[in-house]
Amino acid sequence: MADRTTLMRGNALPLVGPELHVGDPAPDFHLHQRGPEGLKVISLADFAGKTLLISSAFSLETPICEMATRRFNDEAISLPTDVDVVVVSMDLPFAQARFSSEKGMHQISAASDHRDASFGVAYGVLIEPLRLLSRAVFVVGTDGLIKHVEYVPEVTQEPDYETALSVARQPID
């Protein structure tokens, strides 16, 4: 069994990657998004100078992930303009775009880790045997350091929205 695990309905699943902590430099990633111009690659550098709230999701098509994504989408309106919210999953970029459009989730962006799992490995949320991401929330400050980390212990549980949103709302140097 791996050193780190997450639970799915009480069953332990191994996680790949390090456990990140507040104060750690945010690892880079390469994610895919579908936009009007087609597919594009985004990385941590695309959010330079902004606070970034990242919600890691098992799959946008599952009830808890949809609830979490909707909550962050609804809350994004009240966040400062220098805060971006990205939900990351292994769902294909086309499925993410369809989901966002059908569900009216336009305040946040979805990004896919399907190609190389660079986010999942770097942030320690890759459930290797399923090739899916465990639920977690990260807030990265404008300085590129992690200001908040929550690895949700059970993928069927919601994250602590209030704490993550509170950190994202604070001016971060």
Foldseek 3Di string as FASTA:
>chain_A
DEPDFAAAVRDTFDWAADADDFFAFQDKAWWWAQDPVGIDIDIPVVLAQAKEKEWEAQDCPDDQNVVQLVVCLVCLVVAPPRYAYEYEKQDDNVVQVVSCVVVVRDSHGYTHCNPPCRVRNHNGFQRPVVRIGATKIWIAANVRGTHDIDRDRYSVDHDPVVVSRVSNRDHDD
